[in-house]
C-alpha atoms as a PDB file:
ATOM      1  CA  MET A   1      12.040 -14.284   5.678  1.00  0.00           C
ATOM      2  CA  LEU A   2      14.131 -14.930   2.556  1.00  0.00           C
ATOM      3  CA  VAL A   3      12.350 -12.075   0.789  1.00  0.00           C
ATOM      4  CA  VAL A   4      13.206  -9.693   3.635  1.00  0.00           C
ATOM      5  CA  LEU A   5      16.854 -10.761   3.529  1.00  0.00           C
ATOM      6  CA  LEU A   6      16.996 -10.194  -0.232  1.00  0.00           C
ATOM      7  CA  LEU A   7      15.479  -6.738   0.227  1.00  0.00           C
ATOM      8  CA  ILE A   8      18.108  -5.965   2.866  1.00  0.00           C
ATOM      9  CA  VAL A   9      20.808  -6.833   0.327  1.00  0.00           C
ATOM     10  CA  VAL A  10      19.159  -4.506  -2.211  1.00  0.00           C
ATOM     11  CA  LEU A  11      18.956  -1.789   0.457  1.00  0.00           C
ATOM     12  CA  ALA A  12      22.651  -2.153   1.284  1.00  0.00           C
ATOM     13  CA  GLY A  13      23.577  -1.845  -2.388  1.00  0.00           C
ATOM     14  CA  SER A  14      21.293   1.168  -2.805  1.00  0.00           C
ATOM     15  CA  ALA A  15      22.847   2.870   0.224  1.00  0.00           C
ATOM     16  CA  LEU A  16      26.337   2.389  -1.190  1.00  0.00           C
ATOM     17  CA  MET A  17      25.203   3.764  -4.545  1.00  0.00           C
ATOM     18  CA  SER A  18      23.711   6.782  -2.774  1.00  0.00           C
ATOM     19  CA  LEU A  19      27.182   7.777  -1.584  1.00  0.00           C
ATOM     20  CA  THR A  20      28.305   8.177  -5.205  1.00  0.00           C
ATOM     21  CA  VAL A  21      25.386  10.244  -6.539  1.00  0.00           C
ATOM     22  CA  GLY A  22      25.162  14.010  -6.420  1.00  0.00           C
ATOM     23  CA  SER A  23      25.759  17.042  -8.588  1.00  0.00           C
ATOM     24  CA  ARG A  24      28.651  14.955  -9.833  1.00  0.00           C
ATOM     25  CA  VAL A  25      28.874  11.165  -9.835  1.00  0.00           C
ATOM     26  CA  ASN A  26      31.890   9.518  -8.229  1.00  0.00           C
ATOM     27  CA  SER A  27      33.087   5.952  -8.562  1.00  0.00           C
ATOM     28  CA  LEU A  28      31.822   3.463  -5.988  1.00  0.00           C
ATOM     29  CA  GLY A  29      35.365   2.471  -5.082  1.00  0.00           C
ATOM     30  CA  GLY A  30      36.418   6.064  -4.549  1.00  0.00           C
ATOM     31  CA  ALA A  31      33.387   6.777  -2.371  1.00  0.00           C
ATOM     32  CA  LEU A  32      33.810   3.642  -0.243  1.00  0.00           C
ATOM     33  CA  HIS A  33      37.501   4.366   0.208  1.00  0.00           C
ATOM     34  CA  ARG A  34      36.614   7.702   1.788  1.00  0.00           C
ATOM     35  CA  VAL A  35      33.831   6.530   4.129  1.00  0.00           C
ATOM     36  CA  PRO A  36      36.192   5.815   7.089  1.00  0.00           C
ATOM     37  CA  GLY A  37      37.765   9.239   6.641  1.00  0.00           C
ATOM     38  CA  ALA A  38      34.318  10.831   6.387  1.00  0.00           C
ATOM     39  CA  LEU A  39      33.254   9.196   9.653  1.00  0.00           C
ATOM     40  CA  GLU A  40      36.439  10.358  11.348  1.00  0.00           C
ATOM     41  CA  TYR A  41      35.846  13.856   9.977  1.00  0.00           C
ATOM     42  CA  LEU A  42      32.328  13.843  11.428  1.00  0.00           C
ATOM     43  CA  LEU A  43      33.319  12.494  14.838  1.00  0.00           C
ATOM     44  CA  ASP A  44      36.539  14.433  15.442  1.00  0.00           C
ATOM     45  CA  PRO A  45      35.957  18.197  15.711  1.00  0.00           C
ATOM     46  CA  ALA A  46      39.721  18.762  15.513  1.00  0.00           C
ATOM     47  CA  ILE A  47      39.705  17.728  11.838  1.00  0.00           C
ATOM     48  CA  THR A  48      39.003  20.673   9.542  1.00  0.00           C
ATOM     49  CA  PRO A  49      37.937  20.600   5.870  1.00  0.00           C
ATOM     50  CA  GLY A  50      41.481  21.558   4.934  1.00  0.00           C
ATOM     51  CA  ASP A  51      42.823  18.338   6.497  1.00  0.00           C
ATOM     52  CA  VAL A  52      40.942  16.011   4.124  1.00  0.00           C
ATOM     53  CA  ASP A  53      40.120  15.975   0.424  1.00  0.00           C
ATOM     54  CA  GLU A  54      36.980  17.494  -1.073  1.00  0.00           C
ATOM     55  CA  LEU A  55      35.153  14.198  -1.679  1.00  0.00           C
ATOM     56  CA  THR A  56      35.653  13.108   1.940  1.00  0.00           C
ATOM     57  CA  VAL A  57      34.120  16.376   3.146  1.00  0.00           C
ATOM     58  CA  LEU A  58      31.258  16.001   0.662  1.00  0.00           C
ATOM     59  CA  ILE A  59      30.452  12.460   1.772  1.00  0.00           C
ATOM     60  CA  GLY A  60      30.785  13.188   5.482  1.00  0.00           C
ATOM     61  CA  THR A  61      28.876  16.455   5.474  1.00  0.00           C
ATOM     62  CA  TYR A  62      26.089  15.726   2.999  1.00  0.00           C
ATOM     63  CA  ARG A  63      25.859  12.328   1.333  1.00  0.00           C
ATOM     64  CA  LEU A  64      26.305  10.052   4.357  1.00  0.00           C
ATOM     65  CA  PRO A  65      23.786  11.881   6.602  1.00  0.00           C
ATOM     66  CA  ARG A  66      21.387  12.107   3.669  1.00  0.00           C
ATOM     67  CA  THR A  67      21.660   8.387   2.977  1.00  0.00           C
ATOM     68  CA  ILE A  68      21.100   7.479   6.630  1.00  0.00           C
ATOM     69  CA  LEU A  69      18.085   9.791   6.825  1.00  0.00           C
ATOM     70  CA  ALA A  70      16.575   8.362   3.638  1.00  0.00           C
ATOM     71  CA  VAL A  71      16.835   4.857   5.108  1.00  0.00           C
ATOM     72  CA  LEU A  72      15.382   5.933   8.467  1.00  0.00           C
ATOM     73  CA  CYS A  73      12.509   7.946   6.994  1.00  0.00           C
ATOM     74  CA  GLY A  74      11.604   5.301   4.443  1.00  0.00           C
ATOM     75  CA  ALA A  75      11.718   2.524   7.037  1.00  0.00           C
ATOM     76  CA  GLY A  76       9.556   4.522   9.423  1.00  0.00           C
ATOM     77  CA  LEU A  77       6.937   5.364   6.800  1.00  0.00           C
ATOM     78  CA  GLY A  78       6.889   1.826   5.400  1.00  0.00           C
ATOM     79  CA  ALA A  79       6.338   0.235   8.808  1.00  0.00           C
ATOM     80  CA  ALA A  80       3.776   2.892   9.747  1.00  0.00           C
ATOM     81  CA  GLY A  81       1.873   2.195   6.533  1.00  0.00           C
ATOM     82  CA  ALA A  82       1.768  -1.532   7.262  1.00  0.00           C
ATOM     83  CA  ILE A  83       0.427  -0.894  10.761  1.00  0.00           C
ATOM     84  CA  ILE A  84      -2.288   1.553   9.728  1.00  0.00           C
ATOM     85  CA  GLN A  85      -3.408  -0.704   6.870  1.00  0.00           C
ATOM     86  CA  GLY A  86      -3.592  -3.590   9.305  1.00  0.00           C
ATOM     87  CA  HIS A  87      -5.619  -1.691  11.882  1.00  0.00           C
ATOM     88  CA  THR A  88      -8.038  -0.153   9.384  1.00  0.00           C
ATOM     89  CA  ARG A  89      -8.107  -3.274   7.187  1.00  0.00           C
ATOM     90  CA  ASN A  90      -7.936  -0.856   4.287  1.00  0.00           C
ATOM     91  CA  PRO A  91      -5.319  -1.573   1.588  1.00  0.00           C
ATOM     92  CA  LEU A  92      -5.356   2.066   0.432  1.00  0.00           C
ATOM     93  CA  ALA A  93      -4.612   3.589   3.845  1.00  0.00           C
ATOM     94  CA  ASP A  94      -1.366   5.342   4.698  1.00  0.00           C
ATOM     95  CA  PRO A  95      -0.115   7.319   7.725  1.00  0.00           C
ATOM     96  CA  GLY A  96      -1.473  10.546   6.271  1.00  0.00           C
ATOM     97  CA  ILE A  97      -5.053   9.520   7.077  1.00  0.00           C
ATOM     98  CA  LEU A  98      -4.214   9.849  10.777  1.00  0.00           C
ATOM     99  CA  GLY A  99      -3.262  13.474  10.272  1.00  0.00           C
ATOM    100  CA  ILE A 100       0.477  12.760  10.465  1.00  0.00           C
ATOM    101  CA  ASN A 101       1.417  15.205   7.714  1.00  0.00           C
ATOM    102  CA  ALA A 102      -1.052  17.835   8.908  1.00  0.00           C
ATOM    103  CA  GLY A 103       0.041  17.560  12.543  1.00  0.00           C
ATOM    104  CA  ALA A 104       3.698  17.832  11.622  1.00  0.00           C
ATOM    105  CA  ALA A 105       3.059  20.747   9.263  1.00  0.00           C
ATOM    106  CA  ALA A 106       1.058  22.630  11.900  1.00  0.00           C
ATOM    107  CA  ALA A 107       3.824  22.183  14.462  1.00  0.00           C
ATOM    108  CA  VAL A 108       6.573  23.168  12.024  1.00  0.00           C
ATOM    109  CA  VAL A 109       4.779  26.285  10.818  1.00  0.00           C
ATOM    110  CA  THR A 110       4.169  27.284  14.444  1.00  0.00           C
ATOM    111  CA  VAL A 111       7.811  27.017  15.520  1.00  0.00           C
ATOM    112  CA  ILE A 112       8.926  28.807  12.354  1.00  0.00           C
ATOM    113  CA  GLY A 113       6.395  31.584  12.831  1.00  0.00           C
ATOM    114  CA  THR A 114       7.335  32.087  16.485  1.00  0.00           C
ATOM    115  CA  GLY A 115      11.068  31.888  15.808  1.00  0.00           C
ATOM    116  CA  LEU A 116      11.565  28.843  18.048  1.00  0.00           C
ATOM    117  CA  ALA A 117      13.317  26.866  15.292  1.00  0.00           C
ATOM    118  CA  THR A 118      15.264  27.875  12.211  1.00  0.00           C
ATOM    119  CA  SER A 119      16.668  24.546  10.963  1.00  0.00           C
ATOM    120  CA  ALA A 120      15.440  21.036  10.205  1.00  0.00           C
ATOM    121  CA  SER A 121      16.942  19.630  13.408  1.00  0.00           C
ATOM    122  CA  GLY A 122      14.806  22.078  15.362  1.00  0.00           C
ATOM    123  CA  TYR A 123      11.645  20.862  13.642  1.00  0.00           C
ATOM    124  CA  VAL A 124      11.936  17.222  14.707  1.00  0.00           C
ATOM    125  CA  TYR A 125      10.627  17.235  18.266  1.00  0.00           C
ATOM    126  CA  PRO A 126       7.914  19.890  17.736  1.00  0.00           C
ATOM    127  CA  ALA A 127       6.673  17.956  14.699  1.00  0.00           C
ATOM    128  CA  MET A 128       6.564  14.704  16.651  1.00  0.00           C
ATOM    129  CA  ALA A 129       4.714  16.462  19.463  1.00  0.00           C
ATOM    130  CA  GLY A 130       2.232  17.817  16.921  1.00  0.00           C
ATOM    131  CA  CYS A 131       1.683  14.331  15.531  1.00  0.00           C
ATOM    132  CA  ALA A 132       1.167  12.904  19.019  1.00  0.00           C
ATOM    133  CA  VAL A 133      -1.396  15.569  19.927  1.00  0.00           C
ATOM    134  CA  VAL A 134      -3.254  15.031  16.654  1.00  0.00           C
ATOM    135  CA  THR A 135      -3.241  11.247  17.138  1.00  0.00           C
ATOM    136  CA  ILE A 136      -4.713  11.558  20.637  1.00  0.00           C
ATOM    137  CA  LEU A 137      -7.314  14.037  19.395  1.00  0.00           C
ATOM    138  CA  ILE A 138      -8.332  11.744  16.545  1.00  0.00           C
ATOM    139  CA  PHE A 139      -8.688   8.784  18.894  1.00  0.00           C
ATOM    140  CA  LEU A 140     -10.854  10.812  21.279  1.00  0.00           C
ATOM    141  CA  LEU A 141     -13.019  12.177  18.472  1.00  0.00           C
ATOM    142  CA  SER A 142     -13.479   8.756  16.911  1.00  0.00           C
ATOM    143  CA  SER A 143     -14.678   7.095  20.108  1.00  0.00           C
ATOM    144  CA  GLY A 144     -17.786   7.732  22.110  1.00  0.00           C
ATOM    145  CA  GLY A 145     -15.992   5.903  24.878  1.00  0.00           C
ATOM    146  CA  PRO A 146     -12.766   3.952  25.429  1.00  0.00           C
ATOM    147  CA  THR A 147     -14.024   0.933  23.484  1.00  0.00           C
ATOM    148  CA  ALA A 148     -15.991   2.558  20.685  1.00  0.00           C
ATOM    149  CA  ALA A 149     -13.228   3.542  18.250  1.00  0.00           C
ATOM    150  CA  ASN A 150     -13.286   1.705  14.931  1.00  0.00           C
ATOM    151  CA  PRO A 151     -11.377   2.081  11.643  1.00  0.00           C
ATOM    152  CA  VAL A 152     -14.122   4.044   9.866  1.00  0.00           C
ATOM    153  CA  THR A 153     -14.510   6.674  12.589  1.00  0.00           C
ATOM    154  CA  VAL A 154     -10.725   6.950  12.944  1.00  0.00           C
ATOM    155  CA  ILE A 155     -10.379   7.694   9.219  1.00  0.00           C
ATOM    156  CA  LEU A 156     -13.231  10.214   9.245  1.00  0.00           C
ATOM    157  CA  ALA A 157     -11.802  11.985  12.292  1.00  0.00           C
ATOM    158  CA  GLY A 158      -8.367  12.020  10.650  1.00  0.00           C
ATOM    159  CA  VAL A 159      -9.701  13.624   7.481  1.00  0.00           C
ATOM    160  CA  ALA A 160     -11.597  16.284   9.441  1.00  0.00           C
ATOM    161  CA  VAL A 161      -8.685  17.181  11.725  1.00  0.00           C
ATOM    162  CA  SER A 162      -6.277  17.255   8.766  1.00  0.00           C
ATOM    163  CA  ALA A 163      -8.506  19.704   6.891  1.00  0.00           C
ATOM    164  CA  LEU A 164      -8.673  22.014   9.907  1.00  0.00           C
ATOM    165  CA  LEU A 165      -4.916  21.915  10.513  1.00  0.00           C
ATOM    166  CA  MET A 166      -4.048  22.534   6.873  1.00  0.00           C
ATOM    167  CA  ALA A 167      -6.281  25.607   6.908  1.00  0.00           C
ATOM    168  CA  TYR A 168      -4.221  26.855   9.871  1.00  0.00           C
ATOM    169  CA  VAL A 169      -0.981  26.091   8.011  1.00  0.00           C
ATOM    170  CA  HIS A 170      -2.108  28.034   4.941  1.00  0.00           C
ATOM    171  CA  LEU A 171      -3.147  30.974   7.114  1.00  0.00           C
ATOM    172  CA  MET A 172       0.281  31.075   8.788  1.00  0.00           C
ATOM    173  CA  VAL A 173       2.142  30.721   5.492  1.00  0.00           C
ATOM    174  CA  LEU A 174       0.210  33.540   3.842  1.00  0.00           C
ATOM    175  CA  SER A 175       0.718  35.836   6.821  1.00  0.00           C
ATOM    176  CA  SER A 176       4.522  35.974   6.623  1.00  0.00           C
ATOM    177  CA  ASP A 177       7.078  35.927   3.813  1.00  0.00           C
ATOM    178  CA  MET A 178       9.640  34.439   6.209  1.00  0.00           C
ATOM    179  CA  VAL A 179       7.351  31.536   7.107  1.00  0.00           C
ATOM    180  CA  LEU A 180       6.534  31.012   3.423  1.00  0.00           C
ATOM    181  CA  ASP A 181      10.223  30.896   2.498  1.00  0.00           C
ATOM    182  CA  GLN A 182      11.123  28.303   5.139  1.00  0.00           C
ATOM    183  CA  MET A 183       7.973  26.207   4.782  1.00  0.00           C
ATOM    184  CA  ARG A 184       8.287  25.837   1.012  1.00  0.00           C
ATOM    185  CA  LEU A 185      11.649  24.122   1.463  1.00  0.00           C
ATOM    186  CA  TRP A 186      10.291  21.692   4.050  1.00  0.00           C
ATOM    187  CA  ALA A 187       6.880  21.103   2.473  1.00  0.00           C
ATOM    188  CA  THR A 188       8.251  19.754  -0.829  1.00  0.00           C
ATOM    189  CA  GLY A 189       9.745  16.743   0.961  1.00  0.00           C
ATOM    190  CA  SER A 190      13.498  16.908   0.550  1.00  0.00           C
ATOM    191  CA  LEU A 191      16.671  15.801   2.319  1.00  0.00           C
ATOM    192  CA  ALA A 192      18.817  18.463   0.664  1.00  0.00           C
ATOM    193  CA  GLY A 193      21.133  20.083   3.180  1.00  0.00           C
ATOM    194  CA  ARG A 194      20.260  17.683   6.014  1.00  0.00           C
ATOM    195  CA  ARG A 195      23.246  16.964   8.237  1.00  0.00           C
ATOM    196  CA  MET A 196      24.102  14.693  11.135  1.00  0.00           C
ATOM    197  CA  ASP A 197      22.274  16.840  13.690  1.00  0.00           C
ATOM    198  CA  VAL A 198      18.991  15.829  12.037  1.00  0.00           C
ATOM    199  CA  VAL A 199      20.096  12.173  12.024  1.00  0.00           C
ATOM    200  CA  THR A 200      20.896  12.199  15.746  1.00  0.00           C
ATOM    201  CA  ALA A 201      17.545  13.839  16.527  1.00  0.00           C
ATOM    202  CA  THR A 202      15.532  11.438  14.377  1.00  0.00           C
ATOM    203  CA  ALA A 203      17.267   8.058  14.656  1.00  0.00           C
ATOM    204  CA  PRO A 204      16.420   7.194  18.304  1.00  0.00           C
ATOM    205  CA  VAL A 205      12.708   7.835  17.808  1.00  0.00           C
ATOM    206  CA  ILE A 206      12.437   5.856  14.577  1.00  0.00           C
ATOM    207  CA  CYS A 207      14.474   2.953  15.980  1.00  0.00           C
ATOM    208  CA  VAL A 208      12.234   2.714  19.058  1.00  0.00           C
ATOM    209  CA  GLY A 209       9.173   2.991  16.819  1.00  0.00           C
ATOM    210  CA  LEU A 210      10.409   0.150  14.600  1.00  0.00           C
ATOM    211  CA  VAL A 211      10.883  -2.104  17.622  1.00  0.00           C
ATOM    212  CA  LEU A 212       7.334  -1.305  18.776  1.00  0.00           C
ATOM    213  CA  ALA A 213       6.061  -1.980  15.260  1.00  0.00           C
ATOM    214  CA  LEU A 214       7.608  -5.449  15.193  1.00  0.00           C
ATOM    215  CA  THR A 215       5.915  -6.377  18.475  1.00  0.00           C
ATOM    216  CA  GLN A 216       2.485  -5.685  16.955  1.00  0.00           C
ATOM    217  CA  ALA A 217       2.652  -8.313  14.220  1.00  0.00           C
ATOM    218  CA  PRO A 218       0.828 -11.084  16.164  1.00  0.00           C
ATOM    219  CA  GLY A 219      -1.995  -8.723  17.122  1.00  0.00           C
ATOM    220  CA  LEU A 220      -2.428  -7.512  13.543  1.00  0.00           C
ATOM    221  CA  ASN A 221      -2.591 -11.109  12.321  1.00  0.00           C
ATOM    222  CA  LEU A 222      -5.532 -11.647  14.679  1.00  0.00           C
ATOM    223  CA  ILE A 223      -7.212  -8.349  13.726  1.00  0.00           C
ATOM    224  CA  ALA A 224      -7.042  -9.482  10.090  1.00  0.00           C
ATOM    225  CA  LEU A 225      -9.524 -12.209  11.083  1.00  0.00           C
ATOM    226  CA  GLY A 226     -11.947  -9.541  12.328  1.00  0.00           C
ATOM    227  CA  THR A 227     -12.067  -7.595  15.569  1.00  0.00           C
ATOM    228  CA  THR A 228     -14.801  -9.811  17.025  1.00  0.00           C
ATOM    229  CA  THR A 229     -12.769 -12.944  16.374  1.00  0.00           C
ATOM    230  CA  ALA A 230      -9.608 -11.281  17.684  1.00  0.00           C
ATOM    231  CA  ALA A 231     -11.358 -10.222  20.895  1.00  0.00           C
ATOM    232  CA  SER A 232     -12.829 -13.708  21.369  1.00  0.00           C
ATOM    233  CA  LEU A 233      -9.289 -15.109  21.104  1.00  0.00           C
ATOM    234  CA  GLY A 234      -8.207 -12.875  23.978  1.00  0.00           C
ATOM    235  CA  LEU A 235      -6.674  -9.933  22.114  1.00  0.00           C
ATOM    236  CA  PRO A 236      -7.170  -6.578  23.919  1.00  0.00           C
ATOM    237  CA  VAL A 237      -8.230  -4.826  20.709  1.00  0.00           C
ATOM    238  CA  THR A 238      -8.518  -1.304  22.115  1.00  0.00           C
ATOM    239  CA  ARG A 239      -5.105  -1.484  23.792  1.00  0.00           C
ATOM    240  CA  VAL A 240      -3.515  -2.824  20.608  1.00  0.00           C
ATOM    241  CA  ARG A 241      -5.098  -0.026  18.573  1.00  0.00           C
ATOM    242  CA  VAL A 242      -3.888   2.646  20.980  1.00  0.00           C
ATOM    243  CA  LEU A 243      -0.356   1.219  20.765  1.00  0.00           C
ATOM    244  CA  GLY A 244      -0.682   1.116  16.983  1.00  0.00           C
ATOM    245  CA  LEU A 245      -1.745   4.758  16.804  1.00  0.00           C
ATOM    246  CA  ALA A 246       1.142   5.750  19.072  1.00  0.00           C
ATOM    247  CA  THR A 247       3.637   3.797  16.970  1.00  0.00           C
ATOM    248  CA  VAL A 248       2.378   5.293  13.710  1.00  0.00           C
ATOM    249  CA  SER A 249       2.623   8.736  15.302  1.00  0.00           C
ATOM    250  CA  MET A 250       6.243   8.137  16.340  1.00  0.00           C
ATOM    251  CA  LEU A 251       7.368   6.709  13.020  1.00  0.00           C
ATOM    252  CA  GLY A 252       5.411   8.995  10.738  1.00  0.00           C
ATOM    253  CA  GLY A 253       6.016  12.066  12.862  1.00  0.00           C
ATOM    254  CA  ALA A 254       9.788  11.643  13.032  1.00  0.00           C
ATOM    255  CA  ALA A 255      10.085  10.848   9.319  1.00  0.00           C
ATOM    256  CA  THR A 256       7.868  13.750   8.286  1.00  0.00           C
ATOM    257  CA  ALA A 257       9.690  16.144  10.591  1.00  0.00           C
ATOM    258  CA  ALA A 258      13.066  15.227   9.101  1.00  0.00           C
ATOM    259  CA  ALA A 259      12.179  15.034   5.411  1.00  0.00           C
ATOM    260  CA  GLY A 260       8.887  16.857   5.045  1.00  0.00           C
ATOM    261  CA  PRO A 261       5.660  15.185   3.890  1.00  0.00           C
ATOM    262  CA  LEU A 262       6.405  12.167   1.677  1.00  0.00           C
ATOM    263  CA  SER A 263       3.534  10.587  -0.220  1.00  0.00           C
ATOM    264  CA  PHE A 264       2.958   6.961  -1.174  1.00  0.00           C
ATOM    265  CA  VAL A 265       5.850   5.304   0.711  1.00  0.00           C
ATOM    266  CA  GLY A 266       3.492   4.128   3.450  1.00  0.00           C
ATOM    267  CA  LEU A 267       0.994   3.023   0.799  1.00  0.00           C
ATOM    268  CA  ALA A 268       3.296   1.238  -1.632  1.00  0.00           C
ATOM    269  CA  ALA A 269       5.724  -0.567   0.699  1.00  0.00           C
ATOM    270  CA  PRO A 270       3.105  -2.828   2.379  1.00  0.00           C
ATOM    271  CA  HIS A 271       1.622  -3.669  -1.039  1.00  0.00           C
ATOM    272  CA  ILE A 272       5.041  -4.729  -2.276  1.00  0.00           C
ATOM    273  CA  MET A 273       5.463  -7.009   0.727  1.00  0.00           C
ATOM    274  CA  ARG A 274       2.012  -8.580   0.452  1.00  0.00           C
ATOM    275  CA  THR A 275       2.768  -9.389  -3.165  1.00  0.00           C
ATOM    276  CA  LEU A 276       6.170 -10.877  -2.344  1.00  0.00           C
ATOM    277  CA  ALA A 277       5.602 -12.506   1.046  1.00  0.00           C
ATOM    278  CA  GLY A 278       1.892 -12.997   1.688  1.00  0.00           C
ATOM    279  CA  PRO A 279      -0.426 -11.716   4.437  1.00  0.00           C
ATOM    280  CA  ASP A 280       1.616 -12.558   7.560  1.00  0.00           C
ATOM    281  CA  TYR A 281       2.443  -9.332   9.418  1.00  0.00           C
ATOM    282  CA  ARG A 282       5.525 -10.950  10.918  1.00  0.00           C
ATOM    283  CA  ARG A 283       6.956 -10.580   7.414  1.00  0.00           C
ATOM    284  CA  ILE A 284       4.953  -7.583   6.203  1.00  0.00           C
ATOM    285  CA  ILE A 285       6.115  -5.144   8.905  1.00  0.00           C
ATOM    286  CA  PRO A 286       9.903  -5.702   8.670  1.00  0.00           C
ATOM    287  CA  GLY A 287       9.658  -6.099   4.909  1.00  0.00           C
ATOM    288  CA  SER A 288       7.665  -2.879   4.558  1.00  0.00           C
ATOM    289  CA  ALA A 289      10.318  -1.039   6.556  1.00  0.00           C
ATOM    290  CA  VAL A 290      13.062  -2.283   4.220  1.00  0.00           C
ATOM    291  CA  ALA A 291      10.987  -1.709   1.072  1.00  0.00           C
ATOM    292  CA  GLY A 292      10.114   1.804   2.246  1.00  0.00           C
ATOM    293  CA  ALA A 293      13.780   2.564   2.816  1.00  0.00           C
ATOM    294  CA  ILE A 294      14.624   1.360  -0.706  1.00  0.00           C
ATOM    295  CA  LEU A 295      11.847   3.462  -2.271  1.00  0.00           C
ATOM    296  CA  THR A 296      12.955   6.571  -0.415  1.00  0.00           C
ATOM    297  CA  LEU A 297      16.614   6.069  -1.299  1.00  0.00           C
ATOM    298  CA  TRP A 298      15.836   5.568  -4.979  1.00  0.00           C
ATOM    299  CA  ALA A 299      13.561   8.623  -5.036  1.00  0.00           C
ATOM    300  CA  ASP A 300      16.259  10.721  -3.380  1.00  0.00           C
ATOM    301  CA  MET A 301      18.918   9.545  -5.832  1.00  0.00           C
ATOM    302  CA  ALA A 302      16.594  10.148  -8.788  1.00  0.00           C
ATOM    303  CA  GLY A 303      15.933  13.665  -7.558  1.00  0.00           C
ATOM    304  CA  ARG A 304      19.660  14.373  -7.399  1.00  0.00           C
ATOM    305  CA  VAL A 305      20.242  13.490 -11.051  1.00  0.00           C
ATOM    306  CA  MET A 306      16.976  14.518 -12.766  1.00  0.00           C
ATOM    307  CA  ALA A 307      17.652  18.259 -12.634  1.00  0.00           C
ATOM    308  CA  ARG A 308      21.447  18.357 -12.405  1.00  0.00           C
ATOM    309  CA  PRO A 309      23.249  20.549 -11.377  1.00  0.00           C
ATOM    310  CA  ASP A 310      20.184  21.425  -9.282  1.00  0.00           C
ATOM    311  CA  GLU A 311      17.950  18.715  -7.886  1.00  0.00           C
ATOM    312  CA  MET A 312      14.295  17.761  -7.695  1.00  0.00           C
ATOM    313  CA  ALA A 313      12.724  17.281  -4.263  1.00  0.00           C
ATOM    314  CA  MET A 314      12.264  13.663  -3.239  1.00  0.00           C
ATOM    315  CA  GLY A 315       8.609  14.304  -2.416  1.00  0.00           C
ATOM    316  CA  ILE A 316       7.967  15.406  -6.000  1.00  0.00           C
ATOM    317  CA  VAL A 317       9.631  12.271  -7.390  1.00  0.00           C
ATOM    318  CA  LEU A 318       7.544  10.064  -5.095  1.00  0.00           C
ATOM    319  CA  ALA A 319       4.370  11.863  -6.154  1.00  0.00           C
ATOM    320  CA  LEU A 320       5.192  11.472  -9.861  1.00  0.00           C
ATOM    321  CA  VAL A 321       5.691   7.740  -9.381  1.00  0.00           C
ATOM    322  CA  GLY A 322       3.052   7.225  -6.714  1.00  0.00           C
ATOM    323  CA  VAL A 323       0.011   8.743  -8.428  1.00  0.00           C
ATOM    324  CA  PRO A 324      -0.028   6.159 -11.267  1.00  0.00           C
ATOM    325  CA  VAL A 325       0.555   3.378  -8.724  1.00  0.00           C
ATOM    326  CA  PHE A 326      -2.344   4.586  -6.581  1.00  0.00           C
ATOM    327  CA  ILE A 327      -4.663   4.782  -9.601  1.00  0.00           C
ATOM    328  CA  MET A 328      -3.643   1.263 -10.603  1.00  0.00           C
ATOM    329  CA  LEU A 329      -4.399  -0.061  -7.116  1.00  0.00           C
ATOM    330  CA  VAL A 330      -7.814   1.607  -7.085  1.00  0.00           C
ATOM    331  CA  ARG A 331      -8.651   0.116 -10.484  1.00  0.00           C
ATOM    332  CA  ARG A 332      -7.467  -3.357  -9.554  1.00  0.00           C
ATOM    333  CA  ARG A 333      -9.332  -3.796  -6.305  1.00  0.00           C
ATOM    334  CA  THR A 334     -12.336  -2.587  -4.406  1.00  0.00           C
ATOM    335  CA  VAL A 335     -11.496  -1.092  -1.032  1.00  0.00           C
ATOM    336  CA  VAL A 336     -12.422  -4.003   1.187  1.00  0.00           C
ATOM    337  CA  GLY A 337     -11.024  -5.571   4.302  1.00  0.00           C
ATOM    338  CA  LEU A 338      -7.657  -7.229   3.921  1.00  0.00           C
END
């Protein structure tokens, strides 16, 4: 667990640095000095922007919520990636193969097109519902019966459902300029403009999902030995897989709803932890959550400074970094069971 503790220290330092980075960079001391005032500004509606200085308003309104969301989304995607790689025994799997991004996108484009939501906080619960429906559909399609689902059929069903849903998303986007305008902001994967209302909508779901993820470590350690061996040792494999799919849906759905589709976090974070801490999922899952949070924070900070005074979407930064990493992983290993 020493590796996890060291990563937590790195995460804490990265979060503090995130409070100083924006269209202009402030000193760490100045930013930390204003955090209590920023929290008071957020929690007390009687305090107006004129009652505090500009940096306090900036931190409380934008940087602090953005930092919290980056940590939550990265942790959720990292843990979800570890779980789906464990269940599929595929080191190149990530939450997207379960249709997480496609389910969230279909739900978001629907609520935008029907006028049911106009802000990121309004996307969260519809997107999670879309992910849940897609997860259930994939499980049903991949099983001829309650016990027949296996990693290969789950992946194939996920790819097929994702293709169908993305066709629907493209149809909706092309049918309305208003939908196109709102979807392009969400679909790039960015935390720009996210405020505390998105944090309060997302945090409970991701926190519950992380707790559920931690409880699955013993089962995933047994599944790593093979499903036949795991079942012979008394593990209810189907029940564990259903819980795993539900957990991935919660974590990936909430993170995708809040930040938009983010590539490679769920792929890279578990690989980092296997390299640093070995194959034990009791370390991989919490470590992947922390590593995912660090990756997301760094990508968000890089996006803020790479195109100053504008910014580059975090999803674009992750893609620029993630594509070479993915190619390297493919070249270094054959896709075999973990």
